[in-house]
């Protein structure tokens, strides 16, 4: 059994460094990319100046590189929205229903609901207090609420097969 792998990470917001654990699948991809890096060679550009720059910036040290085998720029936000656009996710714009911060919220909520300890999730997210993690990121879903009630030794909780959705007008009239 191998020891867990960690990615050292320094945040722009606080300047503090923390370690983020990596799952086996991600670690396998990184190991594969690292092995492939030793076979890289400089790529010529379309014109002499571009070729010169690409050769100057050529890297076998970076795990992830551009098509020209130069280090990738840290433009995660632009890449996220580009991928969302290619996947036809219309609500993927900053501040909308799908944004990059939503992925952080989803990670925290799912990690907590799946048995991750609040302290571990707090450290991964880099929060200074556990209170911040629990207030901001622990969004209870109906399934987790039923699970919490069902954990009581005297409780029986069933999961509804179908949830009927009715309009507000029907609810007010009582016709549903």
C-alpha atoms as a PDB file:
ATOM      1  CA  UNK A   1       0.000   0.000   0.000  1.00  0.00           C
ATOM      2  CA  UNK A   2       1.490   3.308  -1.027  1.00  0.00           C
ATOM      3  CA  UNK A   3       1.473   6.366   1.175  1.00  0.00           C
ATOM      4  CA  UNK A   4      -0.936   9.172   0.258  1.00  0.00           C
ATOM      5  CA  UNK A   5       0.311  11.751  -2.222  1.00  0.00           C
ATOM      6  CA  UNK A   6      -0.041  15.435  -1.480  1.00  0.00           C
ATOM      7  CA  UNK A   7       0.086  18.457  -3.722  1.00  0.00           C
ATOM      8  CA  UNK A   8       1.752  21.466  -2.061  1.00  0.00           C
ATOM      9  CA  UNK A   9      -0.361  24.531  -2.720  1.00  0.00           C
ATOM     10  CA  UNK A  10       0.210  28.206  -1.975  1.00  0.00           C
ATOM     11  CA  UNK A  11      -2.867  30.384  -2.108  1.00  0.00           C
ATOM     12  CA  UNK A  12      -2.987  33.848  -3.616  1.00  0.00           C
ATOM     13  CA  UNK A  13      -5.547  34.971  -1.069  1.00  0.00           C
ATOM     14  CA  UNK A  14      -3.569  34.326   2.127  1.00  0.00           C
ATOM     15  CA  UNK A  15      -0.119  33.357   0.858  1.00  0.00           C
ATOM     16  CA  UNK A  16      -0.208  30.344   3.174  1.00  0.00           C
ATOM     17  CA  UNK A  17       0.876  26.935   1.964  1.00  0.00           C
ATOM     18  CA  UNK A  18      -1.171  23.785   2.519  1.00  0.00           C
ATOM     19  CA  UNK A  19      -1.137  20.213   1.319  1.00  0.00           C
ATOM     20  CA  UNK A  20      -4.026  18.864  -0.747  1.00  0.00           C
ATOM     21  CA  UNK A  21      -4.326  15.053  -0.830  1.00  0.00           C
ATOM     22  CA  UNK A  22      -4.624  13.446  -4.272  1.00  0.00           C
ATOM     23  CA  UNK A  23      -6.750  10.396  -5.058  1.00  0.00           C
ATOM     24  CA  UNK A  24      -5.187   7.348  -6.735  1.00  0.00           C
ATOM     25  CA  UNK A  25      -6.674   8.132 -10.168  1.00  0.00           C
ATOM     26  CA  UNK A  26      -5.233  11.651 -10.205  1.00  0.00           C
ATOM     27  CA  UNK A  27      -1.893  10.390  -8.930  1.00  0.00           C
ATOM     28  CA  UNK A  28      -1.765   7.784 -11.728  1.00  0.00           C
ATOM     29  CA  UNK A  29      -2.354  10.504 -14.354  1.00  0.00           C
ATOM     30  CA  UNK A  30       0.352  12.714 -12.852  1.00  0.00           C
ATOM     31  CA  UNK A  31       2.834   9.797 -12.775  1.00  0.00           C
ATOM     32  CA  UNK A  32       2.062   8.976 -16.412  1.00  0.00           C
ATOM     33  CA  UNK A  33       2.486  12.622 -17.477  1.00  0.00           C
ATOM     34  CA  UNK A  34       5.747  12.830 -15.514  1.00  0.00           C
ATOM     35  CA  UNK A  35       7.129   9.776 -17.343  1.00  0.00           C
ATOM     36  CA  UNK A  36       6.015  11.172 -20.715  1.00  0.00           C
ATOM     37  CA  UNK A  37       7.777  14.485 -19.975  1.00  0.00           C
ATOM     38  CA  UNK A  38      11.206  12.902 -20.423  1.00  0.00           C
ATOM     39  CA  UNK A  39      10.377  12.207 -24.096  1.00  0.00           C
ATOM     40  CA  UNK A  40       9.428  15.799 -24.911  1.00  0.00           C
ATOM     41  CA  UNK A  41      11.355  17.843 -27.419  1.00  0.00           C
ATOM     42  CA  UNK A  42      11.170  21.510 -28.429  1.00  0.00           C
ATOM     43  CA  UNK A  43       8.500  22.303 -30.990  1.00  0.00           C
ATOM     44  CA  UNK A  44       9.109  24.770 -33.804  1.00  0.00           C
ATOM     45  CA  UNK A  45       6.709  27.663 -34.218  1.00  0.00           C
ATOM     46  CA  UNK A  46       5.210  29.105 -37.388  1.00  0.00           C
ATOM     47  CA  UNK A  47       7.771  31.907 -37.595  1.00  0.00           C
ATOM     48  CA  UNK A  48      11.373  32.295 -36.305  1.00  0.00           C
ATOM     49  CA  UNK A  49      10.540  34.484 -33.285  1.00  0.00           C
ATOM     50  CA  UNK A  50       7.882  32.037 -32.092  1.00  0.00           C
ATOM     51  CA  UNK A  51      10.326  29.120 -32.544  1.00  0.00           C
ATOM     52  CA  UNK A  52      12.971  30.980 -30.519  1.00  0.00           C
ATOM     53  CA  UNK A  53      10.516  31.671 -27.643  1.00  0.00           C
ATOM     54  CA  UNK A  54       9.227  28.104 -27.621  1.00  0.00           C
ATOM     55  CA  UNK A  55      12.765  26.699 -27.514  1.00  0.00           C
ATOM     56  CA  UNK A  56      13.698  29.111 -24.683  1.00  0.00           C
ATOM     57  CA  UNK A  57      10.647  28.076 -22.650  1.00  0.00           C
ATOM     58  CA  UNK A  58      10.840  24.368 -23.454  1.00  0.00           C
ATOM     59  CA  UNK A  59      10.424  22.219 -20.335  1.00  0.00           C
ATOM     60  CA  UNK A  60      10.768  18.601 -19.325  1.00  0.00           C
ATOM     61  CA  UNK A  61      10.340  19.621 -15.675  1.00  0.00           C
ATOM     62  CA  UNK A  62       6.652  20.503 -15.786  1.00  0.00           C
ATOM     63  CA  UNK A  63       4.137  17.665 -15.569  1.00  0.00           C
ATOM     64  CA  UNK A  64       1.545  19.513 -17.633  1.00  0.00           C
ATOM     65  CA  UNK A  65       2.714  21.413 -20.697  1.00  0.00           C
ATOM     66  CA  UNK A  66       1.274  23.168 -23.735  1.00  0.00           C
ATOM     67  CA  UNK A  67       1.333  21.670 -27.249  1.00  0.00           C
ATOM     68  CA  UNK A  68       4.639  23.477 -27.716  1.00  0.00           C
ATOM     69  CA  UNK A  69       6.025  21.669 -24.617  1.00  0.00           C
ATOM     70  CA  UNK A  70       6.275  24.900 -22.654  1.00  0.00           C
ATOM     71  CA  UNK A  71       4.894  25.388 -19.111  1.00  0.00           C
ATOM     72  CA  UNK A  72       1.157  25.985 -18.932  1.00  0.00           C
ATOM     73  CA  UNK A  73       0.004  29.346 -17.629  1.00  0.00           C
ATOM     74  CA  UNK A  74      -2.151  29.415 -14.528  1.00  0.00           C
ATOM     75  CA  UNK A  75      -5.452  30.351 -16.137  1.00  0.00           C
ATOM     76  CA  UNK A  76      -7.653  27.760 -14.458  1.00  0.00           C
ATOM     77  CA  UNK A  77     -10.677  30.047 -14.473  1.00  0.00           C
ATOM     78  CA  UNK A  78     -10.592  30.550 -18.251  1.00  0.00           C
ATOM     79  CA  UNK A  79     -10.102  26.825 -18.832  1.00  0.00           C
ATOM     80  CA  UNK A  80     -13.023  25.971 -16.536  1.00  0.00           C
ATOM     81  CA  UNK A  81     -15.450  28.205 -18.430  1.00  0.00           C
ATOM     82  CA  UNK A  82     -14.113  27.002 -21.803  1.00  0.00           C
ATOM     83  CA  UNK A  83     -14.755  23.374 -20.846  1.00  0.00           C
ATOM     84  CA  UNK A  84     -18.240  24.277 -19.583  1.00  0.00           C
ATOM     85  CA  UNK A  85     -19.001  26.072 -22.851  1.00  0.00           C
ATOM     86  CA  UNK A  86     -17.866  23.032 -24.879  1.00  0.00           C
ATOM     87  CA  UNK A  87     -20.162  20.891 -22.718  1.00  0.00           C
ATOM     88  CA  UNK A  88     -23.091  23.241 -23.538  1.00  0.00           C
ATOM     89  CA  UNK A  89     -23.502  24.354 -19.914  1.00  0.00           C
ATOM     90  CA  UNK A  90     -25.199  27.695 -20.464  1.00  0.00           C
ATOM     91  CA  UNK A  91     -25.214  28.736 -16.790  1.00  0.00           C
ATOM     92  CA  UNK A  92     -21.417  28.493 -16.494  1.00  0.00           C
ATOM     93  CA  UNK A  93     -20.470  32.130 -16.014  1.00  0.00           C
ATOM     94  CA  UNK A  94     -18.975  33.840 -12.955  1.00  0.00           C
ATOM     95  CA  UNK A  95     -21.604  34.246 -10.246  1.00  0.00           C
ATOM     96  CA  UNK A  96     -24.245  32.177 -12.060  1.00  0.00           C
ATOM     97  CA  UNK A  97     -25.685  28.762 -11.223  1.00  0.00           C
ATOM     98  CA  UNK A  98     -22.490  27.012 -12.349  1.00  0.00           C
ATOM     99  CA  UNK A  99     -19.240  28.683 -11.388  1.00  0.00           C
ATOM    100  CA  UNK A 100     -15.846  27.490 -10.266  1.00  0.00           C
ATOM    101  CA  UNK A 101     -16.580  28.278  -6.618  1.00  0.00           C
ATOM    102  CA  UNK A 102     -19.582  25.952  -6.855  1.00  0.00           C
ATOM    103  CA  UNK A 103     -17.169  23.074  -7.424  1.00  0.00           C
ATOM    104  CA  UNK A 104     -15.461  23.926  -4.134  1.00  0.00           C
ATOM    105  CA  UNK A 105     -18.823  24.008  -2.351  1.00  0.00           C
ATOM    106  CA  UNK A 106     -19.792  20.684  -3.953  1.00  0.00           C
ATOM    107  CA  UNK A 107     -16.512  19.082  -2.882  1.00  0.00           C
ATOM    108  CA  UNK A 108     -16.934  20.218   0.715  1.00  0.00           C
ATOM    109  CA  UNK A 109     -20.575  19.150   0.946  1.00  0.00           C
ATOM    110  CA  UNK A 110     -20.002  15.749  -0.663  1.00  0.00           C
ATOM    111  CA  UNK A 111     -16.841  15.109   1.384  1.00  0.00           C
ATOM    112  CA  UNK A 112     -18.696  15.852   4.620  1.00  0.00           C
ATOM    113  CA  UNK A 113     -21.732  13.791   3.597  1.00  0.00           C
ATOM    114  CA  UNK A 114     -19.510  10.879   2.564  1.00  0.00           C
ATOM    115  CA  UNK A 115     -17.863  10.654   5.966  1.00  0.00           C
ATOM    116  CA  UNK A 116     -14.961  13.073   5.686  1.00  0.00           C
ATOM    117  CA  UNK A 117     -14.240  14.668   9.022  1.00  0.00           C
ATOM    118  CA  UNK A 118     -15.042  18.368   9.273  1.00  0.00           C
ATOM    119  CA  UNK A 119     -11.483  19.089  10.458  1.00  0.00           C
ATOM    120  CA  UNK A 120      -9.946  17.327   7.432  1.00  0.00           C
ATOM    121  CA  UNK A 121     -12.257  19.189   5.019  1.00  0.00           C
ATOM    122  CA  UNK A 122     -11.408  22.479   6.762  1.00  0.00           C
ATOM    123  CA  UNK A 123      -7.679  21.864   6.275  1.00  0.00           C
ATOM    124  CA  UNK A 124      -8.071  20.870   2.612  1.00  0.00           C
ATOM    125  CA  UNK A 125     -10.085  24.034   1.927  1.00  0.00           C
ATOM    126  CA  UNK A 126      -7.590  26.148   3.876  1.00  0.00           C
ATOM    127  CA  UNK A 127     -10.133  27.718   6.219  1.00  0.00           C
ATOM    128  CA  UNK A 128      -8.817  29.316   9.393  1.00  0.00           C
ATOM    129  CA  UNK A 129     -11.764  28.075  11.461  1.00  0.00           C
ATOM    130  CA  UNK A 130     -13.973  25.010  11.483  1.00  0.00           C
ATOM    131  CA  UNK A 131     -16.963  27.305  11.949  1.00  0.00           C
ATOM    132  CA  UNK A 132     -16.389  28.828   8.494  1.00  0.00           C
ATOM    133  CA  UNK A 133     -16.307  25.396   6.866  1.00  0.00           C
ATOM    134  CA  UNK A 134     -19.499  24.258   8.563  1.00  0.00           C
ATOM    135  CA  UNK A 135     -21.463  27.475   7.948  1.00  0.00           C
ATOM    136  CA  UNK A 136     -20.505  28.112   4.365  1.00  0.00           C
ATOM    137  CA  UNK A 137     -19.952  24.707   2.834  1.00  0.00           C
ATOM    138  CA  UNK A 138     -22.014  22.107   4.660  1.00  0.00           C
ATOM    139  CA  UNK A 139     -25.215  22.382   2.645  1.00  0.00           C
ATOM    140  CA  UNK A 140     -27.500  19.655   3.932  1.00  0.00           C
ATOM    141  CA  UNK A 141     -29.343  17.826   1.192  1.00  0.00           C
ATOM    142  CA  UNK A 142     -32.628  16.022   1.788  1.00  0.00           C
ATOM    143  CA  UNK A 143     -30.907  12.620   1.529  1.00  0.00           C
ATOM    144  CA  UNK A 144     -28.406  13.521   4.241  1.00  0.00           C
ATOM    145  CA  UNK A 145     -31.197  14.828   6.470  1.00  0.00           C
ATOM    146  CA  UNK A 146     -33.057  11.517   6.115  1.00  0.00           C
ATOM    147  CA  UNK A 147     -29.820   9.640   6.833  1.00  0.00           C
ATOM    148  CA  UNK A 148     -29.262  11.690   9.989  1.00  0.00           C
ATOM    149  CA  UNK A 149     -32.772  10.932  11.259  1.00  0.00           C
ATOM    150  CA  UNK A 150     -32.414   7.287  10.206  1.00  0.00           C
ATOM    151  CA  UNK A 151     -29.227   6.994  12.267  1.00  0.00           C
ATOM    152  CA  UNK A 152     -31.302   7.180  15.438  1.00  0.00           C
ATOM    153  CA  UNK A 153     -31.798   3.686  16.913  1.00  0.00           C
ATOM    154  CA  UNK A 154     -35.576   4.094  17.196  1.00  0.00           C
ATOM    155  CA  UNK A 155     -36.250   5.776  13.833  1.00  0.00           C
ATOM    156  CA  UNK A 156     -37.444   4.340  10.543  1.00  0.00           C
ATOM    157  CA  UNK A 157     -37.050   6.555   7.508  1.00  0.00           C
ATOM    158  CA  UNK A 158     -38.166   5.665   4.009  1.00  0.00           C
ATOM    159  CA  UNK A 159     -37.016   7.362   0.852  1.00  0.00           C
ATOM    160  CA  UNK A 160     -39.853   8.541  -1.374  1.00  0.00           C
ATOM    161  CA  UNK A 161     -39.783   6.965  -4.830  1.00  0.00           C
ATOM    162  CA  UNK A 162     -41.148  10.039  -6.583  1.00  0.00           C
ATOM    163  CA  UNK A 163     -41.491  13.588  -5.426  1.00  0.00           C
ATOM    164  CA  UNK A 164     -44.510  15.320  -6.898  1.00  0.00           C
ATOM    165  CA  UNK A 165     -43.993  18.952  -7.747  1.00  0.00           C
ATOM    166  CA  UNK A 166     -47.070  21.141  -7.889  1.00  0.00           C
ATOM    167  CA  UNK A 167     -47.494  24.775  -8.747  1.00  0.00           C
ATOM    168  CA  UNK A 168     -47.993  27.395  -6.053  1.00  0.00           C
ATOM    169  CA  UNK A 169     -51.477  28.080  -7.424  1.00  0.00           C
ATOM    170  CA  UNK A 170     -52.463  24.412  -7.041  1.00  0.00           C
ATOM    171  CA  UNK A 171     -51.125  24.371  -3.498  1.00  0.00           C
ATOM    172  CA  UNK A 172     -53.083  27.511  -2.572  1.00  0.00           C
ATOM    173  CA  UNK A 173     -56.311  26.178  -4.068  1.00  0.00           C
ATOM    174  CA  UNK A 174     -55.816  22.731  -2.587  1.00  0.00           C
ATOM    175  CA  UNK A 175     -56.594  21.110  -5.941  1.00  0.00           C
ATOM    176  CA  UNK A 176     -53.467  18.992  -6.127  1.00  0.00           C
END
